[in-house]
Amino acid sequence: MEKYNLNKSCFEAYQNISKYISHTLLYYSENLSSLSNSNVFLKLENFQHTGSFKLRGAMNKIINLPDKSKKIVAASSGNHGAAVAYSLREFNMKGIVYVPENAVSFKVDLMKKYGVEIRYSGNDSFTAEASAVKYANENNIIFVSPYNDIDVISGQGTIGLEMVKQAQDLIKTSKKKLDVIFVTVGGGGLISGIGGYIKSVNSKIKVIGCSPINSPVMKKSIDEGKIIDFDSLPTLSEGSAGGIEKDSMTFDFCREFIDDFYLISEEDIIKTIKFFIEKEKLLIEGAAAVAVAGFLNNRHLFKRMNVGIIICGGNIGPDTLKSIL
């Protein structure tokens, strides 16, 4: 794989997108800290414009396009599509987003609000992505990948850049740094960017990947030593569900940067969403709950440590929320 300087590319991405994004809060959680006898800090990307971290990567990609007069195409179960649509609107560009037939209507409506054309294809994100790539190739237009793109990965890595600075200002212990960061893993774009930046700054900070048991494609691929086809089951973490492109650069990044990997049950996702509503007074989506549950299930391993958890999004549909409650 081509070698990338993620420290440099994340810093360049931060300069690109800084005026277009919300510089989200790193928030000290009294509840999670007392439960675990550690210091827990939440990076609240659920308060990002569009409600998800995905805006950072999509915006960086769109900004770096040399010709903004051309239409682009993307594929998404929701958050990436909304991020692409929002970014296109900023530059008066046109685009198409392919979504699976079973995409959450709440997230599809969010995409439509920002003005992109929606096309349905298949029953999972992998099929929709294949259709989008095929359309891009046939029409000689750019496909904006949700994860397999260095501009997208670098954009997501700006979360790590912000966290390092925020931790220095926020953490009251003498270390002034995070010891470990928990990140939900789907295609691997988020953890590749964050892990790449964090490890370049301090290789001793542990990066923990978390995925739902029902769709652990990256974990299974790392175990096998190659990207594999895996039939995912339905999961409340639909933002991290689905397959991985066979040549995705995120595979090598994940193998390099992830120190450990935890798998999360649907029951624990539900329990964590309820916990956040009751204790933190925050609404988070299933994918965000996965990272929190990964920490809670293993909290005995991180006593007296400074723990960062990425709250990757808050876009949970009313029907899903109703079924959980």
C-alpha atoms as a PDB file:
ATOM      1  CA  MET A   1       0.000   0.000   0.000  1.00  0.00           C
ATOM      2  CA  GLU A   2       1.162   3.519  -0.738  1.00  0.00           C
ATOM      3  CA  LYS A   3       2.603   5.170   2.381  1.00  0.00           C
ATOM      4  CA  TYR A   4       0.751   8.218   3.672  1.00  0.00           C
ATOM      5  CA  ASN A   5       1.763  10.798   6.245  1.00  0.00           C
ATOM      6  CA  LEU A   6      -1.518  10.934   8.170  1.00  0.00           C
ATOM      7  CA  ASN A   7      -0.176  13.507  10.598  1.00  0.00           C
ATOM      8  CA  LYS A   8       0.378  15.929   7.709  1.00  0.00           C
ATOM      9  CA  SER A   9      -2.768  15.024   5.741  1.00  0.00           C
ATOM     10  CA  CYS A  10      -4.999  15.344   8.822  1.00  0.00           C
ATOM     11  CA  PHE A  11      -3.541  18.766   9.576  1.00  0.00           C
ATOM     12  CA  GLU A  12      -4.115  19.842   5.947  1.00  0.00           C
ATOM     13  CA  ALA A  13      -7.672  18.503   6.125  1.00  0.00           C
ATOM     14  CA  TYR A  14      -8.258  20.483   9.308  1.00  0.00           C
ATOM     15  CA  GLN A  15      -7.178  23.676   7.555  1.00  0.00           C
ATOM     16  CA  ASN A  16      -9.504  22.823   4.638  1.00  0.00           C
ATOM     17  CA  ILE A  17     -12.664  22.080   6.586  1.00  0.00           C
ATOM     18  CA  SER A  18     -12.255  24.198   9.703  1.00  0.00           C
ATOM     19  CA  LYS A  19     -14.735  26.905   8.724  1.00  0.00           C
ATOM     20  CA  TYR A  20     -17.347  24.408   7.508  1.00  0.00           C
ATOM     21  CA  ILE A  21     -17.577  22.062  10.501  1.00  0.00           C
ATOM     22  CA  SER A  22     -18.568  22.208  14.134  1.00  0.00           C
ATOM     23  CA  HIS A  23     -15.530  21.858  16.402  1.00  0.00           C
ATOM     24  CA  THR A  24     -17.336  19.486  18.720  1.00  0.00           C
ATOM     25  CA  LEU A  25     -16.958  19.346  22.478  1.00  0.00           C
ATOM     26  CA  LEU A  26     -14.774  16.861  24.356  1.00  0.00           C
ATOM     27  CA  TYR A  27     -17.044  16.298  27.329  1.00  0.00           C
ATOM     28  CA  TYR A  28     -16.174  14.789  30.725  1.00  0.00           C
ATOM     29  CA  SER A  29     -18.769  12.160  31.670  1.00  0.00           C
ATOM     30  CA  GLU A  30     -19.353  12.001  35.418  1.00  0.00           C
ATOM     31  CA  ASN A  31     -21.614   8.980  34.957  1.00  0.00           C
ATOM     32  CA  LEU A  32     -19.233   6.815  32.938  1.00  0.00           C
ATOM     33  CA  SER A  33     -16.249   7.908  35.022  1.00  0.00           C
ATOM     34  CA  SER A  34     -17.862   6.918  38.317  1.00  0.00           C
ATOM     35  CA  LEU A  35     -19.030   3.594  36.856  1.00  0.00           C
ATOM     36  CA  SER A  36     -15.524   2.672  35.744  1.00  0.00           C
ATOM     37  CA  ASN A  37     -13.174   4.366  38.224  1.00  0.00           C
ATOM     38  CA  SER A  38     -11.544   6.118  35.281  1.00  0.00           C
ATOM     39  CA  ASN A  39     -11.741   9.517  33.596  1.00  0.00           C
ATOM     40  CA  VAL A  40     -14.036   9.223  30.594  1.00  0.00           C
ATOM     41  CA  PHE A  41     -14.218  11.904  27.901  1.00  0.00           C
ATOM     42  CA  LEU A  42     -16.798  11.848  25.112  1.00  0.00           C
ATOM     43  CA  LYS A  43     -16.098  13.415  21.713  1.00  0.00           C
ATOM     44  CA  LEU A  44     -19.596  14.588  20.788  1.00  0.00           C
ATOM     45  CA  GLU A  45     -19.803  14.226  17.012  1.00  0.00           C
ATOM     46  CA  ASN A  46     -23.556  13.761  17.450  1.00  0.00           C
ATOM     47  CA  PHE A  47     -23.539  17.586  17.575  1.00  0.00           C
ATOM     48  CA  GLN A  48     -21.728  17.852  14.243  1.00  0.00           C
ATOM     49  CA  HIS A  49     -23.603  19.519  11.362  1.00  0.00           C
ATOM     50  CA  THR A  50     -25.708  16.692   9.833  1.00  0.00           C
ATOM     51  CA  GLY A  51     -25.508  14.870  13.187  1.00  0.00           C
ATOM     52  CA  SER A  52     -22.488  12.683  12.397  1.00  0.00           C
ATOM     53  CA  PHE A  53     -18.683  12.679  12.080  1.00  0.00           C
ATOM     54  CA  LYS A  54     -19.073  11.858   8.377  1.00  0.00           C
ATOM     55  CA  LEU A  55     -19.208  15.541   7.441  1.00  0.00           C
ATOM     56  CA  ARG A  56     -15.487  15.952   8.107  1.00  0.00           C
ATOM     57  CA  GLY A  57     -14.390  13.388   5.522  1.00  0.00           C
ATOM     58  CA  ALA A  58     -16.995  14.236   2.912  1.00  0.00           C
ATOM     59  CA  MET A  59     -16.263  17.961   3.156  1.00  0.00           C
ATOM     60  CA  ASN A  60     -12.527  17.419   2.795  1.00  0.00           C
ATOM     61  CA  LYS A  61     -13.089  15.260  -0.284  1.00  0.00           C
ATOM     62  CA  ILE A  62     -15.418  17.763  -1.961  1.00  0.00           C
ATOM     63  CA  ILE A  63     -13.089  20.675  -1.207  1.00  0.00           C
ATOM     64  CA  ASN A  64     -10.183  18.783  -2.816  1.00  0.00           C
ATOM     65  CA  LEU A  65     -12.060  18.022  -6.057  1.00  0.00           C
ATOM     66  CA  PRO A  66     -10.301  19.874  -8.890  1.00  0.00           C
ATOM     67  CA  ASP A  67     -13.470  20.440 -10.932  1.00  0.00           C
ATOM     68  CA  LYS A  68     -16.512  21.477  -8.910  1.00  0.00           C
ATOM     69  CA  SER A  69     -18.683  21.876 -11.991  1.00  0.00           C
ATOM     70  CA  LYS A  70     -19.098  18.106 -12.311  1.00  0.00           C
ATOM     71  CA  LYS A  71     -21.770  15.980 -10.646  1.00  0.00           C
ATOM     72  CA  ILE A  72     -20.565  13.305  -8.178  1.00  0.00           C
ATOM     73  CA  VAL A  73     -22.064  10.041  -6.939  1.00  0.00           C
ATOM     74  CA  ALA A  74     -21.970   8.386  -3.512  1.00  0.00           C
ATOM     75  CA  ALA A  75     -23.543   5.475  -1.655  1.00  0.00           C
ATOM     76  CA  SER A  76     -24.793   5.472   1.909  1.00  0.00           C
ATOM     77  CA  SER A  77     -27.181   4.032   4.474  1.00  0.00           C
ATOM     78  CA  GLY A  78     -27.602   7.587   5.736  1.00  0.00           C
ATOM     79  CA  ASN A  79     -24.859   9.574   7.452  1.00  0.00           C
ATOM     80  CA  HIS A  80     -22.296   9.635   4.626  1.00  0.00           C
ATOM     81  CA  GLY A  81     -25.016  10.559   2.144  1.00  0.00           C
ATOM     82  CA  ALA A  82     -26.181  13.441   4.316  1.00  0.00           C
ATOM     83  CA  ALA A  83     -22.583  14.621   4.729  1.00  0.00           C
ATOM     84  CA  VAL A  84     -21.949  14.504   0.975  1.00  0.00           C
ATOM     85  CA  ALA A  85     -25.228  16.302   0.285  1.00  0.00           C
ATOM     86  CA  TYR A  86     -24.450  19.027   2.838  1.00  0.00           C
ATOM     87  CA  SER A  87     -20.953  19.485   1.365  1.00  0.00           C
ATOM     88  CA  LEU A  88     -22.265  19.681  -2.198  1.00  0.00           C
ATOM     89  CA  ARG A  89     -24.770  22.324  -1.166  1.00  0.00           C
ATOM     90  CA  GLU A  90     -21.952  24.466   0.233  1.00  0.00           C
ATOM     91  CA  PHE A  91     -20.373  24.607  -3.245  1.00  0.00           C
ATOM     92  CA  ASN A  92     -23.564  24.611  -5.343  1.00  0.00           C
ATOM     93  CA  MET A  93     -22.737  21.168  -6.730  1.00  0.00           C
ATOM     94  CA  LYS A  94     -25.041  18.365  -7.854  1.00  0.00           C
ATOM     95  CA  GLY A  95     -24.919  14.723  -6.836  1.00  0.00           C
ATOM     96  CA  ILE A  96     -26.611  11.333  -6.639  1.00  0.00           C
ATOM     97  CA  VAL A  97     -26.649   9.083  -3.569  1.00  0.00           C
ATOM     98  CA  TYR A  98     -27.452   5.372  -3.874  1.00  0.00           C
ATOM     99  CA  VAL A  99     -29.117   3.954  -0.771  1.00  0.00           C
ATOM    100  CA  PRO A 100     -30.318   0.431   0.119  1.00  0.00           C
ATOM    101  CA  GLU A 101     -34.043  -0.264  -0.124  1.00  0.00           C
ATOM    102  CA  ASN A 102     -34.204  -0.749   3.637  1.00  0.00           C
ATOM    103  CA  ALA A 103     -32.436   2.519   4.494  1.00  0.00           C
ATOM    104  CA  VAL A 104     -33.877   4.320   7.505  1.00  0.00           C
ATOM    105  CA  SER A 105     -36.401   6.827   6.127  1.00  0.00           C
ATOM    106  CA  PHE A 106     -35.335   9.421   8.690  1.00  0.00           C
ATOM    107  CA  LYS A 107     -31.792   9.414   7.263  1.00  0.00           C
ATOM    108  CA  VAL A 108     -32.967   9.412   3.644  1.00  0.00           C
ATOM    109  CA  ASP A 109     -35.120  12.470   4.403  1.00  0.00           C
ATOM    110  CA  LEU A 110     -32.035  14.168   5.843  1.00  0.00           C
ATOM    111  CA  MET A 111     -30.172  13.605   2.557  1.00  0.00           C
ATOM    112  CA  LYS A 112     -33.086  14.904   0.521  1.00  0.00           C
ATOM    113  CA  LYS A 113     -33.218  18.036   2.669  1.00  0.00           C
ATOM    114  CA  TYR A 114     -29.759  19.000   1.405  1.00  0.00           C
ATOM    115  CA  GLY A 115     -30.788  18.562  -2.223  1.00  0.00           C
ATOM    116  CA  VAL A 116     -29.249  15.383  -3.664  1.00  0.00           C
ATOM    117  CA  GLU A 117     -30.984  12.885  -5.934  1.00  0.00           C
ATOM    118  CA  ILE A 118     -31.731   9.569  -4.193  1.00  0.00           C
ATOM    119  CA  ARG A 119     -31.602   6.200  -5.978  1.00  0.00           C
ATOM    120  CA  TYR A 120     -32.403   2.871  -4.301  1.00  0.00           C
ATOM    121  CA  SER A 121     -30.415  -0.312  -4.914  1.00  0.00           C
ATOM    122  CA  GLY A 122     -30.394  -3.640  -3.067  1.00  0.00           C
ATOM    123  CA  ASN A 123     -30.940  -4.410   0.604  1.00  0.00           C
ATOM    124  CA  ASP A 124     -27.567  -3.470   2.080  1.00  0.00           C
ATOM    125  CA  SER A 125     -24.922  -0.764   1.847  1.00  0.00           C
ATOM    126  CA  PHE A 126     -22.516  -3.003  -0.066  1.00  0.00           C
ATOM    127  CA  THR A 127     -24.993  -3.496  -2.937  1.00  0.00           C
ATOM    128  CA  ALA A 128     -25.849   0.218  -3.057  1.00  0.00           C
ATOM    129  CA  GLU A 129     -22.133   1.008  -3.135  1.00  0.00           C
ATOM    130  CA  ALA A 130     -21.549  -1.400  -6.037  1.00  0.00           C
ATOM    131  CA  SER A 131     -24.344   0.290  -7.994  1.00  0.00           C
ATOM    132  CA  ALA A 132     -22.889   3.727  -7.318  1.00  0.00           C
ATOM    133  CA  VAL A 133     -19.393   2.663  -8.418  1.00  0.00           C
ATOM    134  CA  LYS A 134     -20.832   1.100 -11.592  1.00  0.00           C
ATOM    135  CA  TYR A 135     -22.736   4.317 -12.403  1.00  0.00           C
ATOM    136  CA  ALA A 136     -19.614   6.415 -11.779  1.00  0.00           C
ATOM    137  CA  ASN A 137     -17.499   4.247 -14.077  1.00  0.00           C
ATOM    138  CA  GLU A 138     -20.108   4.212 -16.853  1.00  0.00           C
ATOM    139  CA  ASN A 139     -20.575   7.982 -16.736  1.00  0.00           C
ATOM    140  CA  ASN A 140     -16.973   9.021 -16.042  1.00  0.00           C
ATOM    141  CA  ILE A 141     -17.818  10.872 -12.838  1.00  0.00           C
ATOM    142  CA  ILE A 142     -16.259  10.752  -9.369  1.00  0.00           C
ATOM    143  CA  PHE A 143     -17.446   8.285  -6.736  1.00  0.00           C
ATOM    144  CA  VAL A 144     -17.059   9.623  -3.195  1.00  0.00           C
ATOM    145  CA  SER A 145     -16.341   6.586  -1.039  1.00  0.00           C
ATOM    146  CA  PRO A 146     -17.547   6.592   2.584  1.00  0.00           C
ATOM    147  CA  TYR A 147     -14.155   5.262   3.752  1.00  0.00           C
ATOM    148  CA  ASN A 148     -11.806   4.063   0.968  1.00  0.00           C
ATOM    149  CA  ASP A 149     -10.303   7.451   0.151  1.00  0.00           C
ATOM    150  CA  ILE A 150      -7.342   9.257   1.716  1.00  0.00           C
ATOM    151  CA  ASP A 151      -9.148  12.632   1.684  1.00  0.00           C
ATOM    152  CA  VAL A 152     -12.101  11.098   3.547  1.00  0.00           C
ATOM    153  CA  ILE A 153      -9.838   9.286   6.030  1.00  0.00           C
ATOM    154  CA  SER A 154      -7.824  12.466   6.667  1.00  0.00           C
ATOM    155  CA  GLY A 155     -11.020  14.423   7.251  1.00  0.00           C
ATOM    156  CA  GLN A 156     -12.153  11.908   9.867  1.00  0.00           C
ATOM    157  CA  GLY A 157      -8.688  12.074  11.404  1.00  0.00           C
ATOM    158  CA  THR A 158      -9.265  15.715  12.331  1.00  0.00           C
ATOM    159  CA  ILE A 159     -11.299  14.338  15.246  1.00  0.00           C
ATOM    160  CA  GLY A 160      -8.063  12.930  16.674  1.00  0.00           C
ATOM    161  CA  LEU A 161      -6.294  16.232  16.073  1.00  0.00           C
ATOM    162  CA  GLU A 162      -8.999  18.107  18.001  1.00  0.00           C
ATOM    163  CA  MET A 163      -9.056  15.550  20.811  1.00  0.00           C
ATOM    164  CA  VAL A 164      -5.317  15.799  21.473  1.00  0.00           C
ATOM    165  CA  LYS A 165      -5.544  19.561  21.926  1.00  0.00           C
ATOM    166  CA  GLN A 166      -8.789  19.448  23.901  1.00  0.00           C
ATOM    167  CA  ALA A 167      -7.408  16.777  26.246  1.00  0.00           C
ATOM    168  CA  GLN A 168      -4.428  18.972  27.088  1.00  0.00           C
ATOM    169  CA  ASP A 169      -6.803  21.747  28.146  1.00  0.00           C
ATOM    170  CA  LEU A 170      -9.340  19.505  29.895  1.00  0.00           C
ATOM    171  CA  ILE A 171      -7.518  16.701  31.697  1.00  0.00           C
ATOM    172  CA  LYS A 172      -6.535  17.755  35.199  1.00  0.00           C
ATOM    173  CA  THR A 173      -4.012  15.005  35.921  1.00  0.00           C
ATOM    174  CA  SER A 174      -0.321  15.623  35.311  1.00  0.00           C
ATOM    175  CA  LYS A 175      -0.291  13.377  32.186  1.00  0.00           C
ATOM    176  CA  LYS A 176      -2.516  15.758  30.180  1.00  0.00           C
ATOM    177  CA  LYS A 177      -3.197  13.055  27.614  1.00  0.00           C
ATOM    178  CA  LEU A 178      -5.610  10.274  26.798  1.00  0.00           C
ATOM    179  CA  ASP A 179      -4.463   6.708  27.458  1.00  0.00           C
ATOM    180  CA  VAL A 180      -6.974   4.945  25.216  1.00  0.00           C
ATOM    181  CA  ILE A 181      -9.582   5.814  22.572  1.00  0.00           C
ATOM    182  CA  PHE A 182     -12.652   3.730  21.654  1.00  0.00           C
ATOM    183  CA  VAL A 183     -13.941   3.962  18.079  1.00  0.00           C
ATOM    184  CA  THR A 184     -16.775   2.184  16.260  1.00  0.00           C
ATOM    185  CA  VAL A 185     -15.573   0.367  13.128  1.00  0.00           C
ATOM    186  CA  GLY A 186     -17.505  -0.263   9.910  1.00  0.00           C
ATOM    187  CA  GLY A 187     -15.512   0.294   6.720  1.00  0.00           C
ATOM    188  CA  GLY A 188     -12.687   1.648   8.853  1.00  0.00           C
ATOM    189  CA  GLY A 189     -12.430   5.248   7.654  1.00  0.00           C
ATOM    190  CA  LEU A 190     -13.021   6.797  11.074  1.00  0.00           C
ATOM    191  CA  ILE A 191     -10.582   4.638  13.025  1.00  0.00           C
ATOM    192  CA  SER A 192      -7.970   4.807  10.234  1.00  0.00           C
ATOM    193  CA  GLY A 193      -7.919   8.598  10.367  1.00  0.00           C
ATOM    194  CA  ILE A 194      -8.076   8.918  14.143  1.00  0.00           C
ATOM    195  CA  GLY A 195      -5.654   6.038  14.729  1.00  0.00           C
ATOM    196  CA  GLY A 196      -3.198   7.298  12.144  1.00  0.00           C
ATOM    197  CA  TYR A 197      -3.088  10.771  13.645  1.00  0.00           C
ATOM    198  CA  ILE A 198      -3.071   9.636  17.278  1.00  0.00           C
ATOM    199  CA  LYS A 199      -0.282   7.107  16.739  1.00  0.00           C
ATOM    200  CA  SER A 200       1.829   9.718  14.931  1.00  0.00           C
ATOM    201  CA  VAL A 201       1.565  11.993  17.961  1.00  0.00           C
ATOM    202  CA  ASN A 202       1.897   9.378  20.703  1.00  0.00           C
ATOM    203  CA  SER A 203       2.264   5.696  19.804  1.00  0.00           C
ATOM    204  CA  LYS A 204       1.541   4.673  23.409  1.00  0.00           C
ATOM    205  CA  ILE A 205      -2.122   5.755  23.194  1.00  0.00           C
ATOM    206  CA  LYS A 206      -4.169   2.594  22.632  1.00  0.00           C
ATOM    207  CA  VAL A 207      -6.793   2.563  19.882  1.00  0.00           C
ATOM    208  CA  ILE A 208      -9.672   0.125  20.448  1.00  0.00           C
ATOM    209  CA  GLY A 209     -12.022  -0.842  17.620  1.00  0.00           C
ATOM    210  CA  CYS A 210     -15.636  -1.835  18.369  1.00  0.00           C
ATOM    211  CA  SER A 211     -18.161  -3.447  16.015  1.00  0.00           C
ATOM    212  CA  PRO A 212     -21.571  -5.086  16.394  1.00  0.00           C
ATOM    213  CA  ILE A 213     -21.497  -8.881  16.614  1.00  0.00           C
ATOM    214  CA  ASN A 214     -24.032  -8.895  13.769  1.00  0.00           C
ATOM    215  CA  SER A 215     -21.670  -7.120  11.340  1.00  0.00           C
ATOM    216  CA  PRO A 216     -17.995  -7.548  12.341  1.00  0.00           C
ATOM    217  CA  VAL A 217     -16.600  -7.440   8.810  1.00  0.00           C
ATOM    218  CA  MET A 218     -13.354  -5.592   9.550  1.00  0.00           C
ATOM    219  CA  LYS A 219     -12.644  -7.717  12.627  1.00  0.00           C
ATOM    220  CA  LYS A 220     -13.221 -10.938  10.674  1.00  0.00           C
ATOM    221  CA  SER A 221     -11.069  -9.658   7.801  1.00  0.00           C
ATOM    222  CA  ILE A 222      -8.182  -8.783  10.130  1.00  0.00           C
ATOM    223  CA  ASP A 223      -8.446 -12.236  11.712  1.00  0.00           C
ATOM    224  CA  GLU A 224      -8.305 -13.853   8.256  1.00  0.00           C
ATOM    225  CA  GLY A 225      -5.492 -11.607   7.026  1.00  0.00           C
ATOM    226  CA  LYS A 226      -7.504 -10.425   4.026  1.00  0.00           C
ATOM    227  CA  ILE A 227     -10.774  -8.635   3.247  1.00  0.00           C
ATOM    228  CA  ILE A 228     -13.542 -11.225   3.249  1.00  0.00           C
ATOM    229  CA  ASP A 229     -17.169 -11.387   2.178  1.00  0.00           C
ATOM    230  CA  PHE A 230     -19.386 -11.667   5.219  1.00  0.00           C
ATOM    231  CA  ASP A 231     -23.164 -11.863   5.369  1.00  0.00           C
ATOM    232  CA  SER A 232     -24.113  -9.362   8.043  1.00  0.00           C
ATOM    233  CA  LEU A 233     -27.215  -9.749  10.165  1.00  0.00           C
ATOM    234  CA  PRO A 234     -29.529  -6.807  10.917  1.00  0.00           C
ATOM    235  CA  THR A 235     -28.107  -4.451  13.522  1.00  0.00           C
ATOM    236  CA  LEU A 236     -29.109  -1.238  15.271  1.00  0.00           C
ATOM    237  CA  SER A 237     -25.629  -0.041  14.321  1.00  0.00           C
ATOM    238  CA  GLU A 238     -26.650   0.357  10.689  1.00  0.00           C
ATOM    239  CA  GLY A 239     -24.087   3.130  10.235  1.00  0.00           C
ATOM    240  CA  SER A 240     -21.270   0.586  10.655  1.00  0.00           C
ATOM    241  CA  ALA A 241     -22.930  -2.360   8.903  1.00  0.00           C
ATOM    242  CA  GLY A 242     -22.138  -3.935   5.545  1.00  0.00           C
ATOM    243  CA  GLY A 243     -19.175  -5.163   3.544  1.00  0.00           C
ATOM    244  CA  ILE A 244     -15.813  -3.606   2.695  1.00  0.00           C
ATOM    245  CA  GLU A 245     -14.437  -2.820  -0.767  1.00  0.00           C
ATOM    246  CA  LYS A 246     -12.009  -5.597  -1.730  1.00  0.00           C
ATOM    247  CA  ASP A 247      -9.107  -3.168  -2.207  1.00  0.00           C
ATOM    248  CA  SER A 248      -9.890  -0.769   0.644  1.00  0.00           C
ATOM    249  CA  MET A 249      -6.856   1.036   2.032  1.00  0.00           C
ATOM    250  CA  THR A 250      -8.536   1.035   5.436  1.00  0.00           C
ATOM    251  CA  PHE A 251      -7.767  -2.671   5.879  1.00  0.00           C
ATOM    252  CA  ASP A 252      -4.012  -2.078   6.163  1.00  0.00           C
ATOM    253  CA  PHE A 253      -4.544   1.022   8.296  1.00  0.00           C
ATOM    254  CA  CYS A 254      -6.774  -0.929  10.691  1.00  0.00           C
ATOM    255  CA  ARG A 255      -4.239  -3.754  10.966  1.00  0.00           C
ATOM    256  CA  GLU A 256      -1.559  -1.184  11.793  1.00  0.00           C
ATOM    257  CA  PHE A 257      -3.403   1.123  14.172  1.00  0.00           C
ATOM    258  CA  ILE A 258      -5.962  -0.982  16.073  1.00  0.00           C
ATOM    259  CA  ASP A 259      -4.548  -2.383  19.318  1.00  0.00           C
ATOM    260  CA  ASP A 260      -7.597  -4.438  20.279  1.00  0.00           C
ATOM    261  CA  PHE A 261     -11.088  -5.198  18.980  1.00  0.00           C
ATOM    262  CA  TYR A 262     -14.348  -5.724  20.892  1.00  0.00           C
ATOM    263  CA  LEU A 263     -17.617  -7.097  19.522  1.00  0.00           C
ATOM    264  CA  ILE A 264     -20.937  -5.808  20.875  1.00  0.00           C
ATOM    265  CA  SER A 265     -24.335  -7.494  21.138  1.00  0.00           C
ATOM    266  CA  GLU A 266     -27.605  -5.899  20.068  1.00  0.00           C
ATOM    267  CA  GLU A 267     -28.748  -6.081  23.691  1.00  0.00           C
ATOM    268  CA  ASP A 268     -25.765  -3.997  24.793  1.00  0.00           C
ATOM    269  CA  ILE A 269     -26.438  -1.436  22.033  1.00  0.00           C
ATOM    270  CA  ILE A 270     -30.017  -1.034  23.309  1.00  0.00           C
ATOM    271  CA  LYS A 271     -28.880  -0.822  26.927  1.00  0.00           C
ATOM    272  CA  THR A 272     -26.319   1.866  26.074  1.00  0.00           C
ATOM    273  CA  ILE A 273     -28.776   4.021  24.112  1.00  0.00           C
ATOM    274  CA  LYS A 274     -31.166   3.883  27.079  1.00  0.00           C
ATOM    275  CA  PHE A 275     -28.322   4.725  29.464  1.00  0.00           C
ATOM    276  CA  PHE A 276     -27.442   7.836  27.458  1.00  0.00           C
ATOM    277  CA  ILE A 277     -31.041   9.041  27.380  1.00  0.00           C
ATOM    278  CA  GLU A 278     -31.508   8.512  31.124  1.00  0.00           C
ATOM    279  CA  LYS A 279     -28.102   9.496  32.523  1.00  0.00           C
ATOM    280  CA  GLU A 280     -26.412  11.754  29.967  1.00  0.00           C
ATOM    281  CA  LYS A 281     -29.603  13.318  28.554  1.00  0.00           C
ATOM    282  CA  LEU A 282     -28.197  12.708  25.071  1.00  0.00           C
ATOM    283  CA  LEU A 283     -29.683  10.968  22.050  1.00  0.00           C
ATOM    284  CA  ILE A 284     -27.157   8.779  20.233  1.00  0.00           C
ATOM    285  CA  GLU A 285     -27.486   6.362  17.339  1.00  0.00           C
ATOM    286  CA  GLY A 286     -26.685   2.660  17.436  1.00  0.00           C
ATOM    287  CA  ALA A 287     -23.210   3.038  15.926  1.00  0.00           C
ATOM    288  CA  ALA A 288     -22.228   5.494  18.674  1.00  0.00           C
ATOM    289  CA  ALA A 289     -23.540   3.133  21.344  1.00  0.00           C
ATOM    290  CA  VAL A 290     -21.205   0.395  20.064  1.00  0.00           C
ATOM    291  CA  ALA A 291     -18.041   2.259  21.130  1.00  0.00           C
ATOM    292  CA  VAL A 292     -19.494   3.113  24.552  1.00  0.00           C
ATOM    293  CA  ALA A 293     -20.606  -0.483  25.123  1.00  0.00           C
ATOM    294  CA  GLY A 294     -17.125  -1.670  24.144  1.00  0.00           C
ATOM    295  CA  PHE A 295     -15.709   0.421  26.963  1.00  0.00           C
ATOM    296  CA  LEU A 296     -18.371  -0.483  29.526  1.00  0.00           C
ATOM    297  CA  ASN A 297     -18.043  -4.217  28.890  1.00  0.00           C
ATOM    298  CA  ASN A 298     -14.293  -4.019  29.491  1.00  0.00           C
ATOM    299  CA  ARG A 299     -14.046  -1.114  31.910  1.00  0.00           C
ATOM    300  CA  HIS A 300     -12.160  -3.170  34.525  1.00  0.00           C
ATOM    301  CA  LEU A 301      -9.155  -3.062  32.174  1.00  0.00           C
ATOM    302  CA  PHE A 302      -8.993   0.749  32.145  1.00  0.00           C
ATOM    303  CA  LYS A 303      -9.216   1.805  35.798  1.00  0.00           C
ATOM    304  CA  ARG A 304      -7.582   5.146  36.610  1.00  0.00           C
ATOM    305  CA  MET A 305      -6.930   5.793  32.913  1.00  0.00           C
ATOM    306  CA  ASN A 306      -7.965   8.756  30.775  1.00  0.00           C
ATOM    307  CA  VAL A 307     -10.420   7.271  28.277  1.00  0.00           C
ATOM    308  CA  GLY A 308     -11.726   8.904  25.087  1.00  0.00           C
ATOM    309  CA  ILE A 309     -14.854   7.589  23.357  1.00  0.00           C
ATOM    310  CA  ILE A 310     -16.001   8.789  19.946  1.00  0.00           C
ATOM    311  CA  ILE A 311     -19.750   9.480  19.948  1.00  0.00           C
ATOM    312  CA  CYS A 312     -19.875   9.171  16.179  1.00  0.00           C
ATOM    313  CA  GLY A 313     -23.471  10.269  15.575  1.00  0.00           C
ATOM    314  CA  GLY A 314     -26.931  11.001  16.893  1.00  0.00           C
ATOM    315  CA  ASN A 315     -29.119  10.269  13.875  1.00  0.00           C
ATOM    316  CA  ILE A 316     -31.548   7.728  15.257  1.00  0.00           C
ATOM    317  CA  GLY A 317     -34.964   7.492  13.617  1.00  0.00           C
ATOM    318  CA  PRO A 318     -38.187   7.862  15.631  1.00  0.00           C
ATOM    319  CA  ASP A 319     -39.349   4.350  14.710  1.00  0.00           C
ATOM    320  CA  THR A 320     -36.058   2.824  15.861  1.00  0.00           C
ATOM    321  CA  LEU A 321     -36.129   4.832  19.057  1.00  0.00           C
ATOM    322  CA  LYS A 322     -39.723   3.808  19.726  1.00  0.00           C
ATOM    323  CA  SER A 323     -38.881   0.119  19.312  1.00  0.00           C
ATOM    324  CA  ILE A 324     -35.926   0.455  21.721  1.00  0.00           C
ATOM    325  CA  LEU A 325     -37.934   2.256  24.379  1.00  0.00           C
END
